[in-house]
Amino acid sequence: MVPNADEIEAVPKKMTDGLSEETIAHLSERRKELEAHILDTFNGKEMWFQERRLQFKGVPNITTNEWGVSIKFESENFRTLSLSGRWDIIVSYKNGLGAQYAGWTVCFDCPYPEMGTSYN
């Protein structure tokens, strides 16, 4: 007999399920290097989002876990964006952070002042 959805017990999964022990260890090391700086420096501060030709101000609400960084970027003038990156592709500087290969960045200074605010 096949159980129905009410009878199936939900088993929470970790974000790192299915990754090798070596990869999990590497992610853990990167998390130790970056997490405190990212949360202390950028969380809840007014910043600029930039990806391709999109560029506008907003506030990143950052959460982290064993997998990486998740950001809900809220702006008064644009829809809320959901951004994320695994620890091994996150880049963090003193004035901003981004995800390699994903193409997004959030930083304190306007990346391309000549463009101003751009929603295209």
PDB file of N, CA and C in Angstrom:
ATOM      1  N   MET A   1       0.843  -1.177   0.000  1.00  0.00           N
ATOM      2  CA  MET A   1       0.000   0.000   0.000  1.00  0.00           C
ATOM      3  C   MET A   1       0.886   1.238   0.000  1.00  0.00           C
ATOM      4  N   VAL A   2       0.531   2.209  -0.820  1.00  0.00           N
ATOM      5  CA  VAL A   2       1.281   3.459  -0.918  1.00  0.00           C
ATOM      6  C   VAL A   2       0.706   4.443   0.094  1.00  0.00           C
ATOM      7  N   PRO A   3       1.554   5.012   0.964  1.00  0.00           N
ATOM      8  CA  PRO A   3       1.031   5.963   1.957  1.00  0.00           C
ATOM      9  C   PRO A   3       0.601   7.259   1.284  1.00  0.00           C
ATOM     10  N   ASN A   4      -0.414   7.905   1.866  1.00  0.00           N
ATOM     11  CA  ASN A   4      -0.804   9.207   1.325  1.00  0.00           C
ATOM     12  C   ASN A   4       0.067  10.295   1.980  1.00  0.00           C
ATOM     13  N   ALA A   5      -0.052  11.498   1.513  1.00  0.00           N
ATOM     14  CA  ALA A   5       0.818  12.595   1.968  1.00  0.00           C
ATOM     15  C   ALA A   5       0.709  12.844   3.471  1.00  0.00           C
ATOM     16  N   ASP A   6      -0.459  12.595   4.058  1.00  0.00           N
ATOM     17  CA  ASP A   6      -0.634  12.816   5.492  1.00  0.00           C
ATOM     18  C   ASP A   6       0.140  11.807   6.331  1.00  0.00           C
ATOM     19  N   GLU A   7       0.435  10.651   5.765  1.00  0.00           N
ATOM     20  CA  GLU A   7       1.111   9.593   6.510  1.00  0.00           C
ATOM     21  C   GLU A   7       2.635   9.631   6.365  1.00  0.00           C
ATOM     22  N   ILE A   8       3.134  10.429   5.411  1.00  0.00           N
ATOM     23  CA  ILE A   8       4.579  10.505   5.195  1.00  0.00           C
ATOM     24  C   ILE A   8       5.171  11.495   6.200  1.00  0.00           C
ATOM     25  N   GLU A   9       6.162  11.018   6.917  1.00  0.00           N
ATOM     26  CA  GLU A   9       6.796  11.849   7.925  1.00  0.00           C
ATOM     27  C   GLU A   9       7.827  12.754   7.254  1.00  0.00           C
ATOM     28  N   ALA A  10       7.738  14.057   7.515  1.00  0.00           N
ATOM     29  CA  ALA A  10       8.693  15.003   6.939  1.00  0.00           C
ATOM     30  C   ALA A  10      10.025  14.878   7.663  1.00  0.00           C
ATOM     31  N   VAL A  11      11.072  14.647   6.905  1.00  0.00           N
ATOM     32  CA  VAL A  11      12.411  14.533   7.473  1.00  0.00           C
ATOM     33  C   VAL A  11      13.203  15.748   7.009  1.00  0.00           C
ATOM     34  N   PRO A  12      13.559  16.644   7.945  1.00  0.00           N
ATOM     35  CA  PRO A  12      14.318  17.824   7.532  1.00  0.00           C
ATOM     36  C   PRO A  12      15.684  17.423   6.977  1.00  0.00           C
ATOM     37  N   LYS A  13      16.085  18.096   5.904  1.00  0.00           N
ATOM     38  CA  LYS A  13      17.369  17.804   5.289  1.00  0.00           C
ATOM     39  C   LYS A  13      18.292  18.992   5.466  1.00  0.00           C
ATOM     40  N   LYS A  14      19.572  18.694   5.598  1.00  0.00           N
ATOM     41  CA  LYS A  14      20.569  19.750   5.655  1.00  0.00           C
ATOM     42  C   LYS A  14      20.868  20.204   4.236  1.00  0.00           C
ATOM     43  N   MET A  15      21.241  21.461   4.097  1.00  0.00           N
ATOM     44  CA  MET A  15      21.574  22.006   2.784  1.00  0.00           C
ATOM     45  C   MET A  15      22.782  21.296   2.172  1.00  0.00           C
ATOM     46  N   THR A  16      23.606  20.702   3.023  1.00  0.00           N
ATOM     47  CA  THR A  16      24.824  20.052   2.533  1.00  0.00           C
ATOM     48  C   THR A  16      24.649  18.559   2.280  1.00  0.00           C
ATOM     49  N   ASP A  17      23.438  18.035   2.437  1.00  0.00           N
ATOM     50  CA  ASP A  17      23.212  16.610   2.143  1.00  0.00           C
ATOM     51  C   ASP A  17      23.598  16.329   0.700  1.00  0.00           C
ATOM     52  N   GLY A  18      24.326  15.259   0.493  1.00  0.00           N
ATOM     53  CA  GLY A  18      24.740  14.872  -0.846  1.00  0.00           C
ATOM     54  C   GLY A  18      26.107  15.394  -1.246  1.00  0.00           C
ATOM     55  N   LEU A  19      26.696  16.291  -0.453  1.00  0.00           N
ATOM     56  CA  LEU A  19      28.033  16.799  -0.756  1.00  0.00           C
ATOM     57  C   LEU A  19      29.085  15.902  -0.114  1.00  0.00           C
ATOM     58  N   SER A  20      30.257  15.866  -0.704  1.00  0.00           N
ATOM     59  CA  SER A  20      31.339  15.047  -0.146  1.00  0.00           C
ATOM     60  C   SER A  20      31.832  15.649   1.168  1.00  0.00           C
ATOM     61  N   GLU A  21      32.477  14.831   1.989  1.00  0.00           N
ATOM     62  CA  GLU A  21      33.038  15.314   3.255  1.00  0.00           C
ATOM     63  C   GLU A  21      34.077  16.405   3.010  1.00  0.00           C
ATOM     64  N   GLU A  22      34.840  16.255   1.947  1.00  0.00           N
ATOM     65  CA  GLU A  22      35.856  17.252   1.601  1.00  0.00           C
ATOM     66  C   GLU A  22      35.208  18.606   1.275  1.00  0.00           C
ATOM     67  N   THR A  23      34.138  18.586   0.514  1.00  0.00           N
ATOM     68  CA  THR A  23      33.433  19.824   0.159  1.00  0.00           C
ATOM     69  C   THR A  23      32.815  20.455   1.396  1.00  0.00           C
ATOM     70  N   ILE A  24      32.204  19.646   2.249  1.00  0.00           N
ATOM     71  CA  ILE A  24      31.606  20.163   3.486  1.00  0.00           C
ATOM     72  C   ILE A  24      32.670  20.806   4.357  1.00  0.00           C
ATOM     73  N   ALA A  25      33.844  20.182   4.461  1.00  0.00           N
ATOM     74  CA  ALA A  25      34.944  20.750   5.257  1.00  0.00           C
ATOM     75  C   ALA A  25      35.404  22.083   4.665  1.00  0.00           C
ATOM     76  N   HIS A  26      35.495  22.150   3.338  1.00  0.00           N
ATOM     77  CA  HIS A  26      35.902  23.392   2.671  1.00  0.00           C
ATOM     78  C   HIS A  26      34.882  24.498   2.911  1.00  0.00           C
ATOM     79  N   LEU A  27      33.606  24.179   2.800  1.00  0.00           N
ATOM     80  CA  LEU A  27      32.554  25.170   3.053  1.00  0.00           C
ATOM     81  C   LEU A  27      32.610  25.663   4.494  1.00  0.00           C
ATOM     82  N   SER A  28      32.873  24.760   5.427  1.00  0.00           N
ATOM     83  CA  SER A  28      32.973  25.121   6.836  1.00  0.00           C
ATOM     84  C   SER A  28      34.139  26.088   7.076  1.00  0.00           C
ATOM     85  N   GLU A  29      35.262  25.849   6.426  1.00  0.00           N
ATOM     86  CA  GLU A  29      36.417  26.747   6.549  1.00  0.00           C
ATOM     87  C   GLU A  29      36.100  28.130   5.991  1.00  0.00           C
ATOM     88  N   ARG A  30      35.486  28.179   4.817  1.00  0.00           N
ATOM     89  CA  ARG A  30      35.117  29.464   4.208  1.00  0.00           C
ATOM     90  C   ARG A  30      34.112  30.196   5.082  1.00  0.00           C
ATOM     91  N   ARG A  31      33.180  29.472   5.689  1.00  0.00           N
ATOM     92  CA  ARG A  31      32.195  30.096   6.567  1.00  0.00           C
ATOM     93  C   ARG A  31      32.890  30.750   7.750  1.00  0.00           C
ATOM     94  N   LYS A  32      33.860  30.058   8.357  1.00  0.00           N
ATOM     95  CA  LYS A  32      34.595  30.616   9.492  1.00  0.00           C
ATOM     96  C   LYS A  32      35.330  31.895   9.097  1.00  0.00           C
ATOM     97  N   GLU A  33      35.853  31.930   7.872  1.00  0.00           N
ATOM     98  CA  GLU A  33      36.585  33.100   7.388  1.00  0.00           C
ATOM     99  C   GLU A  33      35.676  34.299   7.128  1.00  0.00           C
ATOM    100  N   LEU A  34      34.479  34.067   6.629  1.00  0.00           N
ATOM    101  CA  LEU A  34      33.653  35.151   6.093  1.00  0.00           C
ATOM    102  C   LEU A  34      32.427  35.548   6.897  1.00  0.00           C
ATOM    103  N   GLU A  35      31.825  34.626   7.613  1.00  0.00           N
ATOM    104  CA  GLU A  35      30.494  34.846   8.184  1.00  0.00           C
ATOM    105  C   GLU A  35      30.396  36.066   9.090  1.00  0.00           C
ATOM    106  N   ALA A  36      31.271  36.199  10.068  1.00  0.00           N
ATOM    107  CA  ALA A  36      31.180  37.311  11.017  1.00  0.00           C
ATOM    108  C   ALA A  36      31.312  38.653  10.304  1.00  0.00           C
ATOM    109  N   HIS A  37      32.272  38.749   9.382  1.00  0.00           N
ATOM    110  CA  HIS A  37      32.466  40.001   8.639  1.00  0.00           C
ATOM    111  C   HIS A  37      31.219  40.358   7.832  1.00  0.00           C
ATOM    112  N   ILE A  38      30.654  39.388   7.143  1.00  0.00           N
ATOM    113  CA  ILE A  38      29.474  39.641   6.310  1.00  0.00           C
ATOM    114  C   ILE A  38      28.296  40.112   7.156  1.00  0.00           C
ATOM    115  N   LEU A  39      28.005  39.401   8.232  1.00  0.00           N
ATOM    116  CA  LEU A  39      26.852  39.763   9.063  1.00  0.00           C
ATOM    117  C   LEU A  39      27.063  41.088   9.788  1.00  0.00           C
ATOM    118  N   ASP A  40      28.251  41.300  10.344  1.00  0.00           N
ATOM    119  CA  ASP A  40      28.516  42.531  11.101  1.00  0.00           C
ATOM    120  C   ASP A  40      28.596  43.760  10.212  1.00  0.00           C
ATOM    121  N   THR A  41      29.125  43.609   9.019  1.00  0.00           N
ATOM    122  CA  THR A  41      29.383  44.759   8.161  1.00  0.00           C
ATOM    123  C   THR A  41      28.208  45.129   7.265  1.00  0.00           C
ATOM    124  N   PHE A  42      27.499  44.161   6.717  1.00  0.00           N
ATOM    125  CA  PHE A  42      26.527  44.450   5.658  1.00  0.00           C
ATOM    126  C   PHE A  42      25.056  44.261   6.023  1.00  0.00           C
ATOM    127  N   ASN A  43      24.759  43.412   6.971  1.00  0.00           N
ATOM    128  CA  ASN A  43      23.363  43.086   7.264  1.00  0.00           C
ATOM    129  C   ASN A  43      22.590  44.309   7.750  1.00  0.00           C
ATOM    130  N   GLY A  44      21.498  44.639   7.050  1.00  0.00           N
ATOM    131  CA  GLY A  44      20.613  45.719   7.458  1.00  0.00           C
ATOM    132  C   GLY A  44      21.095  47.124   7.137  1.00  0.00           C
ATOM    133  N   LYS A  45      22.193  47.269   6.409  1.00  0.00           N
ATOM    134  CA  LYS A  45      22.737  48.582   6.049  1.00  0.00           C
ATOM    135  C   LYS A  45      22.300  48.954   4.632  1.00  0.00           C
ATOM    136  N   GLU A  46      22.107  50.256   4.400  1.00  0.00           N
ATOM    137  CA  GLU A  46      21.747  50.686   3.047  1.00  0.00           C
ATOM    138  C   GLU A  46      22.925  50.444   2.103  1.00  0.00           C
ATOM    139  N   MET A  47      22.646  49.768   0.988  1.00  0.00           N
ATOM    140  CA  MET A  47      23.693  49.411   0.034  1.00  0.00           C
ATOM    141  C   MET A  47      23.141  49.500  -1.382  1.00  0.00           C
ATOM    142  N   TRP A  48      24.023  49.365  -2.350  1.00  0.00           N
ATOM    143  CA  TRP A  48      23.647  49.324  -3.761  1.00  0.00           C
ATOM    144  C   TRP A  48      23.676  47.883  -4.252  1.00  0.00           C
ATOM    145  N   PHE A  49      22.626  47.483  -4.954  1.00  0.00           N
ATOM    146  CA  PHE A  49      22.602  46.204  -5.656  1.00  0.00           C
ATOM    147  C   PHE A  49      23.020  46.461  -7.095  1.00  0.00           C
ATOM    148  N   GLN A  50      23.819  45.550  -7.675  1.00  0.00           N
ATOM    149  CA  GLN A  50      24.197  45.677  -9.078  1.00  0.00           C
ATOM    150  C   GLN A  50      24.297  44.295  -9.698  1.00  0.00           C
ATOM    151  N   GLU A  51      23.620  44.128 -10.825  1.00  0.00           N
ATOM    152  CA  GLU A  51      23.725  42.921 -11.648  1.00  0.00           C
ATOM    153  C   GLU A  51      23.385  43.324 -13.078  1.00  0.00           C
ATOM    154  N   ARG A  52      24.319  43.097 -13.979  1.00  0.00           N
ATOM    155  CA  ARG A  52      24.172  43.544 -15.370  1.00  0.00           C
ATOM    156  C   ARG A  52      23.827  45.021 -15.392  1.00  0.00           C
ATOM    157  N   ARG A  53      22.668  45.393 -15.955  1.00  0.00           N
ATOM    158  CA  ARG A  53      22.320  46.817 -16.026  1.00  0.00           C
ATOM    159  C   ARG A  53      21.383  47.251 -14.914  1.00  0.00           C
ATOM    160  N   LEU A  54      21.037  46.348 -14.006  1.00  0.00           N
ATOM    161  CA  LEU A  54      20.240  46.726 -12.840  1.00  0.00           C
ATOM    162  C   LEU A  54      21.148  47.327 -11.775  1.00  0.00           C
ATOM    163  N   GLN A  55      20.741  48.460 -11.216  1.00  0.00           N
ATOM    164  CA  GLN A  55      21.541  49.093 -10.169  1.00  0.00           C
ATOM    165  C   GLN A  55      20.623  50.006  -9.365  1.00  0.00           C
ATOM    166  N   PHE A  56      20.474  49.722  -8.075  1.00  0.00           N
ATOM    167  CA  PHE A  56      19.615  50.549  -7.232  1.00  0.00           C
ATOM    168  C   PHE A  56      19.922  50.301  -5.764  1.00  0.00           C
ATOM    169  N   LYS A  57      19.453  51.247  -4.913  1.00  0.00           N
ATOM    170  CA  LYS A  57      19.674  51.160  -3.466  1.00  0.00           C
ATOM    171  C   LYS A  57      18.630  50.278  -2.805  1.00  0.00           C
ATOM    172  N   GLY A  58      19.041  49.711  -1.683  1.00  0.00           N
ATOM    173  CA  GLY A  58      18.134  48.912  -0.877  1.00  0.00           C
ATOM    174  C   GLY A  58      18.843  48.448   0.381  1.00  0.00           C
ATOM    175  N   VAL A  59      18.211  47.543   1.082  1.00  0.00           N
ATOM    176  CA  VAL A  59      18.758  47.033   2.337  1.00  0.00           C
ATOM    177  C   VAL A  59      18.803  45.504   2.275  1.00  0.00           C
ATOM    178  N   PRO A  60      20.008  44.922   2.448  1.00  0.00           N
ATOM    179  CA  PRO A  60      20.110  43.466   2.462  1.00  0.00           C
ATOM    180  C   PRO A  60      19.815  42.892   3.843  1.00  0.00           C
ATOM    181  N   ASN A  61      18.949  41.911   3.893  1.00  0.00           N
ATOM    182  CA  ASN A  61      18.699  41.148   5.121  1.00  0.00           C
ATOM    183  C   ASN A  61      19.341  39.788   4.903  1.00  0.00           C
ATOM    184  N   ILE A  62      20.433  39.547   5.621  1.00  0.00           N
ATOM    185  CA  ILE A  62      21.312  38.412   5.345  1.00  0.00           C
ATOM    186  C   ILE A  62      21.137  37.306   6.372  1.00  0.00           C
ATOM    187  N   THR A  63      21.042  36.087   5.876  1.00  0.00           N
ATOM    188  CA  THR A  63      21.077  34.907   6.737  1.00  0.00           C
ATOM    189  C   THR A  63      22.148  33.969   6.192  1.00  0.00           C
ATOM    190  N   THR A  64      22.679  33.157   7.072  1.00  0.00           N
ATOM    191  CA  THR A  64      23.714  32.204   6.672  1.00  0.00           C
ATOM    192  C   THR A  64      23.386  30.826   7.229  1.00  0.00           C
ATOM    193  N   ASN A  65      23.945  29.816   6.588  1.00  0.00           N
ATOM    194  CA  ASN A  65      23.843  28.451   7.102  1.00  0.00           C
ATOM    195  C   ASN A  65      25.058  27.670   6.617  1.00  0.00           C
ATOM    196  N   GLU A  66      25.072  26.365   6.814  1.00  0.00           N
ATOM    197  CA  GLU A  66      26.241  25.566   6.446  1.00  0.00           C
ATOM    198  C   GLU A  66      26.507  25.576   4.943  1.00  0.00           C
ATOM    199  N   TRP A  67      25.500  25.882   4.133  1.00  0.00           N
ATOM    200  CA  TRP A  67      25.635  25.898   2.682  1.00  0.00           C
ATOM    201  C   TRP A  67      26.227  27.215   2.180  1.00  0.00           C
ATOM    202  N   GLY A  68      25.737  28.348   2.717  1.00  0.00           N
ATOM    203  CA  GLY A  68      26.198  29.632   2.222  1.00  0.00           C
ATOM    204  C   GLY A  68      25.401  30.803   2.740  1.00  0.00           C
ATOM    205  N   VAL A  69      25.286  31.823   1.901  1.00  0.00           N
ATOM    206  CA  VAL A  69      24.672  33.100   2.251  1.00  0.00           C
ATOM    207  C   VAL A  69      23.380  33.270   1.461  1.00  0.00           C
ATOM    208  N   SER A  70      22.334  33.722   2.148  1.00  0.00           N
ATOM    209  CA  SER A  70      21.078  34.076   1.485  1.00  0.00           C
ATOM    210  C   SER A  70      20.752  35.510   1.846  1.00  0.00           C
ATOM    211  N   ILE A  71      20.333  36.279   0.854  1.00  0.00           N
ATOM    212  CA  ILE A  71      20.038  37.695   1.063  1.00  0.00           C
ATOM    213  C   ILE A  71      18.659  38.004   0.506  1.00  0.00           C
ATOM    214  N   LYS A  72      17.864  38.671   1.303  1.00  0.00           N
ATOM    215  CA  LYS A  72      16.613  39.248   0.825  1.00  0.00           C
ATOM    216  C   LYS A  72      16.902  40.738   0.694  1.00  0.00           C
ATOM    217  N   PHE A  73      17.030  41.232  -0.537  1.00  0.00           N
ATOM    218  CA  PHE A  73      17.390  42.626  -0.796  1.00  0.00           C
ATOM    219  C   PHE A  73      16.117  43.413  -1.037  1.00  0.00           C
ATOM    220  N   GLU A  74      15.797  44.300  -0.093  1.00  0.00           N
ATOM    221  CA  GLU A  74      14.548  45.058  -0.142  1.00  0.00           C
ATOM    222  C   GLU A  74      14.821  46.499  -0.540  1.00  0.00           C
ATOM    223  N   SER A  75      14.067  46.966  -1.545  1.00  0.00           N
ATOM    224  CA  SER A  75      14.209  48.323  -2.049  1.00  0.00           C
ATOM    225  C   SER A  75      12.840  48.984  -2.093  1.00  0.00           C
ATOM    226  N   GLU A  76      12.807  50.292  -1.849  1.00  0.00           N
ATOM    227  CA  GLU A  76      11.535  51.019  -1.930  1.00  0.00           C
ATOM    228  C   GLU A  76      11.065  51.156  -3.376  1.00  0.00           C
ATOM    229  N   ASN A  77      12.002  51.076  -4.320  1.00  0.00           N
ATOM    230  CA  ASN A  77      11.679  51.370  -5.715  1.00  0.00           C
ATOM    231  C   ASN A  77      11.708  50.168  -6.649  1.00  0.00           C
ATOM    232  N   PHE A  78      11.926  48.976  -6.105  1.00  0.00           N
ATOM    233  CA  PHE A  78      11.998  47.782  -6.945  1.00  0.00           C
ATOM    234  C   PHE A  78      11.507  46.607  -6.121  1.00  0.00           C
ATOM    235  N   ARG A  79      11.133  45.547  -6.775  1.00  0.00           N
ATOM    236  CA  ARG A  79      10.647  44.367  -6.049  1.00  0.00           C
ATOM    237  C   ARG A  79      11.758  43.781  -5.173  1.00  0.00           C
ATOM    238  N   THR A  80      11.388  43.050  -4.161  1.00  0.00           N
ATOM    239  CA  THR A  80      12.360  42.387  -3.286  1.00  0.00           C
ATOM    240  C   THR A  80      13.050  41.273  -4.063  1.00  0.00           C
ATOM    241  N   LEU A  81      14.383  41.236  -3.955  1.00  0.00           N
ATOM    242  CA  LEU A  81      15.166  40.216  -4.642  1.00  0.00           C
ATOM    243  C   LEU A  81      15.650  39.173  -3.653  1.00  0.00           C
ATOM    244  N   SER A  82      15.725  37.933  -4.086  1.00  0.00           N
ATOM    245  CA  SER A  82      16.320  36.856  -3.295  1.00  0.00           C
ATOM    246  C   SER A  82      17.640  36.483  -3.964  1.00  0.00           C
ATOM    247  N   LEU A  83      18.734  36.656  -3.213  1.00  0.00           N
ATOM    248  CA  LEU A  83      20.076  36.377  -3.712  1.00  0.00           C
ATOM    249  C   LEU A  83      20.689  35.294  -2.851  1.00  0.00           C
ATOM    250  N   SER A  84      21.563  34.493  -3.435  1.00  0.00           N
ATOM    251  CA  SER A  84      22.259  33.499  -2.627  1.00  0.00           C
ATOM    252  C   SER A  84      23.554  33.087  -3.303  1.00  0.00           C
ATOM    253  N   GLY A  85      24.419  32.489  -2.508  1.00  0.00           N
ATOM    254  CA  GLY A  85      25.665  31.963  -3.016  1.00  0.00           C
ATOM    255  C   GLY A  85      26.272  30.996  -2.013  1.00  0.00           C
ATOM    256  N   ARG A  86      26.826  29.921  -2.510  1.00  0.00           N
ATOM    257  CA  ARG A  86      27.485  28.953  -1.644  1.00  0.00           C
ATOM    258  C   ARG A  86      28.786  29.563  -1.137  1.00  0.00           C
ATOM    259  N   TRP A  87      29.245  29.134   0.042  1.00  0.00           N
ATOM    260  CA  TRP A  87      30.425  29.722   0.668  1.00  0.00           C
ATOM    261  C   TRP A  87      31.628  29.767  -0.256  1.00  0.00           C
ATOM    262  N   ASP A  88      31.793  28.798  -1.127  1.00  0.00           N
ATOM    263  CA  ASP A  88      32.988  28.774  -1.962  1.00  0.00           C
ATOM    264  C   ASP A  88      32.929  29.696  -3.180  1.00  0.00           C
ATOM    265  N   ILE A  89      31.799  30.376  -3.419  1.00  0.00           N
ATOM    266  CA  ILE A  89      31.763  31.379  -4.487  1.00  0.00           C
ATOM    267  C   ILE A  89      31.508  32.788  -3.963  1.00  0.00           C
ATOM    268  N   ILE A  90      31.293  32.925  -2.659  1.00  0.00           N
ATOM    269  CA  ILE A  90      31.079  34.251  -2.069  1.00  0.00           C
ATOM    270  C   ILE A  90      32.409  34.999  -2.002  1.00  0.00           C
ATOM    271  N   VAL A  91      32.386  36.258  -2.441  1.00  0.00           N
ATOM    272  CA  VAL A  91      33.538  37.139  -2.294  1.00  0.00           C
ATOM    273  C   VAL A  91      33.113  38.297  -1.405  1.00  0.00           C
ATOM    274  N   SER A  92      33.966  38.642  -0.454  1.00  0.00           N
ATOM    275  CA  SER A  92      33.633  39.687   0.502  1.00  0.00           C
ATOM    276  C   SER A  92      34.805  40.650   0.644  1.00  0.00           C
ATOM    277  N   TYR A  93      34.506  41.924   0.566  1.00  0.00           N
ATOM    278  CA  TYR A  93      35.502  42.973   0.702  1.00  0.00           C
ATOM    279  C   TYR A  93      35.093  43.881   1.855  1.00  0.00           C
ATOM    280  N   LYS A  94      35.845  44.930   2.092  1.00  0.00           N
ATOM    281  CA  LYS A  94      35.484  45.820   3.194  1.00  0.00           C
ATOM    282  C   LYS A  94      34.234  46.642   2.873  1.00  0.00           C
ATOM    283  N   ASN A  95      33.941  46.850   1.578  1.00  0.00           N
ATOM    284  CA  ASN A  95      32.795  47.685   1.224  1.00  0.00           C
ATOM    285  C   ASN A  95      31.691  46.953   0.455  1.00  0.00           C
ATOM    286  N   GLY A  96      31.777  45.633   0.306  1.00  0.00           N
ATOM    287  CA  GLY A  96      30.722  44.930  -0.405  1.00  0.00           C
ATOM    288  C   GLY A  96      30.956  43.437  -0.492  1.00  0.00           C
ATOM    289  N   LEU A  97      29.973  42.751  -1.057  1.00  0.00           N
ATOM    290  CA  LEU A  97      30.094  41.319  -1.274  1.00  0.00           C
ATOM    291  C   LEU A  97      29.344  40.925  -2.532  1.00  0.00           C
ATOM    292  N   GLY A  98      29.678  39.753  -3.040  1.00  0.00           N
ATOM    293  CA  GLY A  98      29.041  39.255  -4.248  1.00  0.00           C
ATOM    294  C   GLY A  98      29.229  37.761  -4.361  1.00  0.00           C
ATOM    295  N   ALA A  99      28.725  37.224  -5.449  1.00  0.00           N
ATOM    296  CA  ALA A  99      28.856  35.795  -5.714  1.00  0.00           C
ATOM    297  C   ALA A  99      29.460  35.621  -7.104  1.00  0.00           C
ATOM    298  N   GLN A 100      30.648  35.016  -7.141  1.00  0.00           N
ATOM    299  CA  GLN A 100      31.273  34.718  -8.424  1.00  0.00           C
ATOM    300  C   GLN A 100      30.328  33.842  -9.230  1.00  0.00           C
ATOM    301  N   TYR A 101      30.364  33.990 -10.510  1.00  0.00           N
ATOM    302  CA  TYR A 101      29.565  33.209 -11.454  1.00  0.00           C
ATOM    303  C   TYR A 101      28.084  33.564 -11.429  1.00  0.00           C
ATOM    304  N   ALA A 102      27.577  34.064 -10.308  1.00  0.00           N
ATOM    305  CA  ALA A 102      26.170  34.453 -10.234  1.00  0.00           C
ATOM    306  C   ALA A 102      25.974  35.857 -10.799  1.00  0.00           C
ATOM    307  N   GLY A 103      26.972  36.713 -10.635  1.00  0.00           N
ATOM    308  CA  GLY A 103      26.937  38.032 -11.252  1.00  0.00           C
ATOM    309  C   GLY A 103      26.363  39.158 -10.413  1.00  0.00           C
ATOM    310  N   TRP A 104      25.925  38.891  -9.207  1.00  0.00           N
ATOM    311  CA  TRP A 104      25.375  39.977  -8.389  1.00  0.00           C
ATOM    312  C   TRP A 104      26.399  40.486  -7.385  1.00  0.00           C
ATOM    313  N   THR A 105      26.262  41.769  -7.038  1.00  0.00           N
ATOM    314  CA  THR A 105      27.061  42.368  -5.975  1.00  0.00           C
ATOM    315  C   THR A 105      26.175  43.325  -5.192  1.00  0.00           C
ATOM    316  N   VAL A 106      26.495  43.497  -3.929  1.00  0.00           N
ATOM    317  CA  VAL A 106      25.917  44.566  -3.114  1.00  0.00           C
ATOM    318  C   VAL A 106      27.091  45.292  -2.468  1.00  0.00           C
ATOM    319  N   CYS A 107      27.072  46.614  -2.549  1.00  0.00           N
ATOM    320  CA  CYS A 107      28.189  47.376  -2.007  1.00  0.00           C
ATOM    321  C   CYS A 107      27.713  48.728  -1.496  1.00  0.00           C
ATOM    322  N   PHE A 108      28.533  49.338  -0.635  1.00  0.00           N
ATOM    323  CA  PHE A 108      28.189  50.626  -0.047  1.00  0.00           C
ATOM    324  C   PHE A 108      28.253  51.756  -1.070  1.00  0.00           C
ATOM    325  N   ASP A 109      29.189  51.682  -2.010  1.00  0.00           N
ATOM    326  CA  ASP A 109      29.354  52.731  -3.013  1.00  0.00           C
ATOM    327  C   ASP A 109      28.664  52.322  -4.304  1.00  0.00           C
ATOM    328  N   CYS A 110      28.113  53.297  -4.990  1.00  0.00           N
ATOM    329  CA  CYS A 110      27.465  53.036  -6.274  1.00  0.00           C
ATOM    330  C   CYS A 110      28.500  52.502  -7.262  1.00  0.00           C
ATOM    331  N   PRO A 111      28.304  51.283  -7.788  1.00  0.00           N
ATOM    332  CA  PRO A 111      29.310  50.676  -8.664  1.00  0.00           C
ATOM    333  C   PRO A 111      29.585  51.485  -9.937  1.00  0.00           C
ATOM    334  N   TYR A 112      28.541  51.993 -10.554  1.00  0.00           N
ATOM    335  CA  TYR A 112      28.674  52.755 -11.804  1.00  0.00           C
ATOM    336  C   TYR A 112      27.910  54.065 -11.656  1.00  0.00           C
ATOM    337  N   PRO A 113      28.530  55.084 -11.046  1.00  0.00           N
ATOM    338  CA  PRO A 113      27.834  56.362 -10.804  1.00  0.00           C
ATOM    339  C   PRO A 113      27.271  56.998 -12.085  1.00  0.00           C
ATOM    340  N   GLU A 114      27.942  56.779 -13.199  1.00  0.00           N
ATOM    341  CA  GLU A 114      27.480  57.366 -14.451  1.00  0.00           C
ATOM    342  C   GLU A 114      26.121  56.807 -14.878  1.00  0.00           C
ATOM    343  N   MET A 115      25.763  55.617 -14.410  1.00  0.00           N
ATOM    344  CA  MET A 115      24.457  55.017 -14.722  1.00  0.00           C
ATOM    345  C   MET A 115      23.375  55.518 -13.784  1.00  0.00           C
ATOM    346  N   GLY A 116      23.751  55.931 -12.582  1.00  0.00           N
ATOM    347  CA  GLY A 116      22.754  56.293 -11.586  1.00  0.00           C
ATOM    348  C   GLY A 116      21.921  55.094 -11.221  1.00  0.00           C
ATOM    349  N   THR A 117      20.676  55.343 -10.848  1.00  0.00           N
ATOM    350  CA  THR A 117      19.746  54.251 -10.551  1.00  0.00           C
ATOM    351  C   THR A 117      19.209  53.726 -11.868  1.00  0.00           C
ATOM    352  N   SER A 118      19.261  52.410 -12.045  1.00  0.00           N
ATOM    353  CA  SER A 118      18.837  51.819 -13.306  1.00  0.00           C
ATOM    354  C   SER A 118      18.024  50.556 -13.036  1.00  0.00           C
ATOM    355  N   TYR A 119      16.829  50.477 -13.634  1.00  0.00           N
ATOM    356  CA  TYR A 119      15.963  49.314 -13.472  1.00  0.00           C
ATOM    357  C   TYR A 119      15.810  48.518 -14.767  1.00  0.00           C
ATOM    358  N   ASN A 120      16.678  48.766 -15.738  1.00  0.00           N
ATOM    359  CA  ASN A 120      16.565  48.083 -17.044  1.00  0.00           C
ATOM    360  C   ASN A 120      17.520  46.924 -17.110  1.00  0.00           C
TER     361      ASN A 120
END
